[in-house]
């Protein structure tokens, strides 16, 4: 009969590819059991959601010669808390705030933000979205919430987030009279309203709050970066040189306020003709990778220029929900895993950062 201790030792030597440490060093391996029929059941507690998809094939290959036939992997992520920048107090019910930002509008920042949030949620994390794009709030529409949706109020002091596709949502769009009502506010008033939405919303116990930031590095974006406790930022850009120039300014802004850049998402990287299959790099190629290398961060993923992604977001069912098995959705899942791993890496390696786990 196979020695379960030997199996655990073999599994413990597996190198987790996104964090670069062995499973034994990470302490993720928990209960192991092996049935007489050769079915190995393994319970892991990874530090980021979705790790099982990366680890399962590695584990299966590692134990193939030890009398193990089938591997059954039970995954329950334990998301750590990464301390925010500049000693800002963390939000009481939110472990990690992730800012999704772009140097300019029109690069797919909001679409990336909502699919990132939904992918994290689908992999087991507890997730919320704050639509901080105050002059162009789009998350209510992208999440399929009917016009006129309003948040609940508790004790005349707290907004209750709206639920959509399993995630909590708050947006300035909920407080406007209609979708076509413009927000005609100067910077200080707009910033104050957003900070109020963030701090006076009764969020659940969230692993991640994804903040869809305003585009650019203007007053609102800068003030939010200085006053909102952020674990890290994801920068979205197209490969186009002009977009990359503006995206670099976004990276520099986060650096100035001490917010780690978790990585770069290159959107609209390639268009494949649906009629002939010809692939065309409409906005150029390799720009996101060069920018990530220049700023010593990672390229989280490259997303295609695809009509369905736009149609699904416009229809209130973003790609991760509408077509979870599609190649585009798999890109979003990969980006979500890498983003979660980047937060876990910060929490483990930065001595100034604390690691608090909600039970």
Foldseek 3Di string as FASTA:
>chain_A
DFDVVVLVVLQQQDQQVLQRHGCVVQVFWDDWDADPQQEIETEGAAQAFPSCVVCVVVSCVSCVPRSHDHYHYHYHYFHWAWWFFPPADAAPQERAEEEQAFLDPDQCRVLLLVLLQLLRVVRPFAEAEEELQQQQRQQCLLQPHDWQAAFDDDPNQATEFDDGNRHGYDYVSNVDPTNPDGDPDDQVVSLVVSVCNVRRYPDHNGHYYYYSHHYRDDSNRLVCLQRHGHQAYEYEFALAPVRLVSSVVVVVSNVVRPHHHQFYEHEQQWEADPPPRDIDRPRDHDNRVVSCVVVVHYHQFYAHPDPVQVVSSSNNHGCCRPPVPDPRNVSSSSSSRSSSSSSVSSCPPPPVTHTDTDD
